[in-house]
Amino acid sequence: MRLFDANFRRNSGRYMLQCVLATVVVMFVLSVLDSVLSTTIIAALGASAFIAFTMPHKPASQPRRLVGGYAMGTLAGLVCDWLSRLPLWSGVPLVHQSAQTVFGALAVGLAIFLMVVTDTEHPPAAGLALGYVLNEVTFLTVVVVFLGIILLAGTKTVLRSVLIDL
């Protein structure tokens, strides 16, 4: 049983560089998001940073999937959040008592479906959809989340030639 990745010794500088890059990008995004968003939504960006900077050449970290996945997660989350607030659920026992649970789960399923159909699979975006249902969302929230994922995707793209899959 080994404790460290076999490639760490050969690429230790890259490992440290890419982890520092992820830290810097997330710190920048958090400095903007901290007062605007909830931790559930911020956690999705942290997971995306992990994927973008530790697996930069894998499909899930490609800009189409980073930004497209967030678009599909946002669409699913906002639609399900809106549906959960409709007064017509007041007569439905399970939904009325736990609308966030029902529509949160629906948001995750819908986000997954939309990402698979549009070839924009990015796992943290399913968590983002759930975050939109579980937390209060404003237009500013959505704008800042998209600025964050675009910054993350842009940084990864600019540095693509120096990044390796860890």
Protein backbone atom coordinates (compact mmCIF):
# COMPACT_ATOMS: atom_id res chain seq x y z
CA MET A 1 0.00 0.00 0.00
CA ARG A 2 1.46 3.34 -0.98
CA LEU A 3 0.69 6.64 0.64
CA PHE A 4 1.62 8.99 -2.22
CA ASP A 5 0.71 9.04 -5.90
CA ALA A 6 3.46 7.33 -7.93
CA ASN A 7 3.80 10.40 -10.19
CA PHE A 8 4.14 12.89 -7.35
CA ARG A 9 7.90 12.52 -7.00
CA ARG A 10 8.50 13.18 -10.71
CA ASN A 11 5.98 16.04 -10.95
CA SER A 12 5.96 17.51 -7.44
CA GLY A 13 6.42 21.07 -8.74
CA ARG A 14 3.40 20.73 -11.03
CA TYR A 15 1.33 19.22 -8.24
CA MET A 16 2.09 22.17 -6.00
CA LEU A 17 1.64 24.74 -8.79
CA GLN A 18 -1.76 23.43 -9.81
CA CYS A 19 -2.99 23.27 -6.21
CA VAL A 20 -1.79 26.84 -5.64
CA LEU A 21 -3.54 27.97 -8.84
CA ALA A 22 -6.79 26.36 -7.70
CA THR A 23 -6.40 28.05 -4.32
CA VAL A 24 -5.78 31.47 -5.85
CA VAL A 25 -8.72 31.25 -8.26
CA VAL A 26 -11.08 30.02 -5.54
CA MET A 27 -9.83 32.71 -3.14
CA PHE A 28 -10.52 35.37 -5.75
CA VAL A 29 -13.99 33.98 -6.47
CA LEU A 30 -14.76 33.67 -2.75
CA SER A 31 -13.74 37.24 -2.12
CA VAL A 32 -16.57 38.26 -4.44
CA LEU A 33 -19.01 35.47 -3.56
CA ASP A 34 -18.55 35.40 0.20
CA SER A 35 -21.08 38.07 1.00
CA VAL A 36 -23.43 37.16 -1.82
CA LEU A 37 -23.94 33.39 -1.78
CA SER A 38 -24.55 30.47 0.50
CA THR A 39 -22.07 27.72 1.21
CA THR A 40 -23.99 25.16 -0.86
CA ILE A 41 -23.46 27.17 -4.03
CA ILE A 42 -19.88 28.05 -3.14
CA ALA A 43 -19.12 24.36 -2.56
CA ALA A 44 -20.01 23.60 -6.19
CA LEU A 45 -17.38 26.10 -7.33
CA GLY A 46 -14.81 24.47 -5.04
CA ALA A 47 -15.54 21.06 -6.56
CA SER A 48 -15.26 22.57 -10.04
CA ALA A 49 -11.87 24.05 -9.14
CA PHE A 50 -10.71 20.59 -8.06
CA ILE A 51 -11.77 19.09 -11.39
CA ALA A 52 -10.37 21.96 -13.48
CA PHE A 53 -6.94 21.99 -11.83
CA THR A 54 -6.34 18.31 -11.02
CA MET A 55 -7.85 16.87 -14.20
CA PRO A 56 -7.38 19.69 -16.72
CA HIS A 57 -7.39 17.41 -19.76
CA LYS A 58 -10.36 15.23 -18.80
CA PRO A 59 -13.76 15.84 -20.41
CA ALA A 60 -15.45 17.13 -17.21
CA SER A 61 -12.98 20.03 -17.01
CA GLN A 62 -13.36 21.30 -20.55
CA PRO A 63 -14.80 24.84 -20.82
CA ARG A 64 -17.91 23.58 -22.64
CA ARG A 65 -18.67 21.29 -19.72
CA LEU A 66 -17.70 23.73 -16.97
CA VAL A 67 -19.82 26.59 -18.29
CA GLY A 68 -22.45 24.46 -20.04
CA GLY A 69 -22.89 22.25 -16.98
CA TYR A 70 -23.41 25.34 -14.83
CA ALA A 71 -25.94 26.65 -17.36
CA MET A 72 -27.90 23.38 -17.21
CA GLY A 73 -27.61 23.20 -13.40
CA THR A 74 -28.78 26.79 -13.10
CA LEU A 75 -31.72 26.20 -15.44
CA ALA A 76 -32.79 23.07 -13.55
CA GLY A 77 -32.31 24.68 -10.15
CA LEU A 78 -34.16 27.88 -10.94
CA VAL A 79 -37.08 26.07 -12.61
CA CYS A 80 -37.43 23.66 -9.68
CA ASP A 81 -37.10 26.48 -7.15
CA TRP A 82 -39.87 28.38 -8.93
CA LEU A 83 -42.06 25.26 -9.08
CA SER A 84 -41.53 24.59 -5.37
CA ARG A 85 -42.99 27.99 -4.52
CA LEU A 86 -46.25 27.55 -6.46
CA PRO A 87 -49.33 27.56 -4.19
CA LEU A 88 -50.86 24.56 -5.98
CA TRP A 89 -48.77 22.19 -3.82
CA SER A 90 -50.64 23.16 -0.64
CA GLY A 91 -53.09 20.28 -1.12
CA VAL A 92 -50.49 17.63 -1.94
CA PRO A 93 -49.40 15.98 1.34
CA LEU A 94 -45.80 14.92 0.61
CA VAL A 95 -44.92 17.92 -1.54
CA HIS A 96 -46.56 20.52 0.72
CA GLN A 97 -44.65 19.35 3.80
CA SER A 98 -41.24 19.01 2.16
CA ALA A 99 -41.23 21.01 -1.06
CA GLN A 100 -37.51 21.71 -0.79
CA THR A 101 -36.77 17.99 -0.50
CA VAL A 102 -38.96 16.99 -3.43
CA PHE A 103 -37.93 19.83 -5.72
CA GLY A 104 -34.29 19.67 -4.63
CA ALA A 105 -34.16 16.04 -5.72
CA LEU A 106 -36.03 16.92 -8.91
CA ALA A 107 -33.49 19.69 -9.61
CA VAL A 108 -30.60 17.23 -9.35
CA GLY A 109 -32.31 14.72 -11.64
CA LEU A 110 -33.28 17.38 -14.16
CA ALA A 111 -29.77 18.88 -14.14
CA ILE A 112 -28.25 15.46 -14.79
CA PHE A 113 -30.69 14.84 -17.63
CA LEU A 114 -30.05 18.24 -19.23
CA MET A 115 -26.28 17.86 -18.96
CA VAL A 116 -26.31 14.36 -20.47
CA VAL A 117 -28.59 15.41 -23.33
CA THR A 118 -26.50 18.52 -24.14
CA ASP A 119 -23.10 16.81 -23.62
CA THR A 120 -22.20 19.26 -20.86
CA GLU A 121 -21.69 16.79 -18.00
CA HIS A 122 -20.00 18.44 -15.04
CA PRO A 123 -20.85 16.75 -11.69
CA PRO A 124 -20.65 19.85 -9.43
CA ALA A 125 -23.37 21.49 -11.54
CA ALA A 126 -25.88 18.96 -10.17
CA GLY A 127 -24.95 20.19 -6.69
CA LEU A 128 -25.39 23.75 -7.91
CA ALA A 129 -28.96 22.91 -9.00
CA LEU A 130 -29.69 21.59 -5.51
CA GLY A 131 -28.14 24.70 -3.95
CA TYR A 132 -30.48 26.94 -5.90
CA VAL A 133 -33.50 25.12 -4.46
CA LEU A 134 -32.22 24.97 -0.89
CA ASN A 135 -31.08 28.60 -0.67
CA GLU A 136 -32.50 31.99 -1.47
CA VAL A 137 -31.38 32.96 -4.95
CA THR A 138 -31.20 36.40 -6.52
CA PHE A 139 -30.23 37.56 -9.98
CA LEU A 140 -26.94 38.71 -8.47
CA THR A 141 -26.32 35.18 -7.17
CA VAL A 142 -26.65 33.74 -10.67
CA VAL A 143 -24.43 36.43 -12.20
CA VAL A 144 -21.68 35.94 -9.64
CA VAL A 145 -21.79 32.14 -10.02
CA PHE A 146 -21.37 32.49 -13.78
CA LEU A 147 -18.57 35.00 -13.41
CA GLY A 148 -16.87 32.54 -11.07
CA ILE A 149 -17.14 29.54 -13.41
CA ILE A 150 -16.08 31.64 -16.42
CA LEU A 151 -13.05 32.87 -14.47
CA LEU A 152 -12.21 29.32 -13.49
CA ALA A 153 -12.62 27.99 -17.05
CA GLY A 154 -10.68 30.93 -18.50
CA THR A 155 -7.77 30.53 -16.10
CA LYS A 156 -7.59 26.81 -16.83
CA THR A 157 -7.71 27.44 -20.57
CA VAL A 158 -4.98 30.09 -20.52
CA LEU A 159 -2.73 27.81 -18.45
CA ARG A 160 -3.64 24.62 -20.33
CA SER A 161 -0.14 24.10 -21.73
CA VAL A 162 1.45 23.97 -18.27
CA LEU A 163 -1.25 21.93 -16.55
CA ILE A 164 -1.11 18.14 -16.34
CA ASP A 165 -3.63 15.58 -15.10
CA LEU A 166 -2.55 14.86 -11.53
